[in-house]
Amino acid sequence: MTDLYEIALLLSDIFFYAKCSVNSKNAIEGEQVLNSKQIVPCGKLVKEQIITIKALIIQTSHIREMPHEVSGNLKLGVKLEIIQVKCTCAAGASECCKHVVAILLCLNRTPISDIDTLSWTDVRCEWSRLKEPSLQQYSPVPIKQFCCCKPIIAPTCNRELLGEDIRSAFVFALPLSALALHTKGRNLICTEEGRLKNIDADSNIEISLKDKVYWKVVRQFRITGSRCYSLYTYNKSQKIEKQWALKASRYFWPKKFTDKFVKHGIEFESIARQLYSKTNNIKVYECGFITHSIKP
């Protein structure tokens, strides 16, 4: 009898009883249950040639609730024969759920002699004692502690980089970027001199501020700051001459546009300017439409 106690279940008997193969879902998941140490605890009772197995398996989705109960009978002879194994889970009535397979695989890896002799009451008491230690392995941990995550290595730099060095590197690498173009533009110095000749500045200012028709005439064929962006974006893709002609026509002879917001701005612009000047104690000068004589 002692020699017989050293035997374990055969894999072929397990697969035959559980109606599975090495690629079956219950076989794969049953092995995962066993390897994840969800069987806590497992015991046996021996009566003549019949060995009764009792075990508790932690629920995968509700680890703190009462575990699934697995119970079964084996016949001890020349080899271990599976009589019946049941589980209290939803699929346990089929006698081939993953929990049943997990217990049978445990009996394949562990000889019967190494299984503790425990009654069903003892098994439940063991669960009360082992519950908290068993659940510690399922405590939440930071992602960086997962085995699949590599340790974080802080980047090192032997050279202290200055802000100007970084800016220069970007400008060199991207000569057509906004940063490069604006940086070059800021360094340009205007050396040209222009003088106003035979112009009555006071009259020019007064006319350009009060005469809307005059303002539109002198502004019509100039690319001003308020309108230049539309030309800039339009020039990003290649255009044929006909497209540019249409764009120029709409640009220099735009349709008249007004709405309540434009009317409101025209009506209250002077009042807002006066309030701004008074509130901030600043004198605001209206320069009118005076342009550079060389580059109008």
Foldseek 3Di string as FASTA:
>chain_A
DVVLLQAFDDPVLLCVQLVHDCPDPLLVLLVVQLVLPQKQDKAWDDDPQKIKIWIFGQDPVCRPDGTKIKIFIWGGDPHIHGDAIAIPDPPRVSRNGSNNSNVNVVRNVGGNVPGHHDDPVRSVVSCVVCSVVSCVVVDDDDPCPDPVHDDDDDDDDPDDDDPVNVLVVVCVVCVPDPSNVVVVVVPDDDPDDFDDDPDDQVVQQVCLVPPPVVVLVVCLPDCDPVHVVVVVVVPPDDDDPVVVVVVSCCRSPPDDDDDPVNVVCVVCVVVVVVVVCVVVVHDDDRRGDDDTPVRD
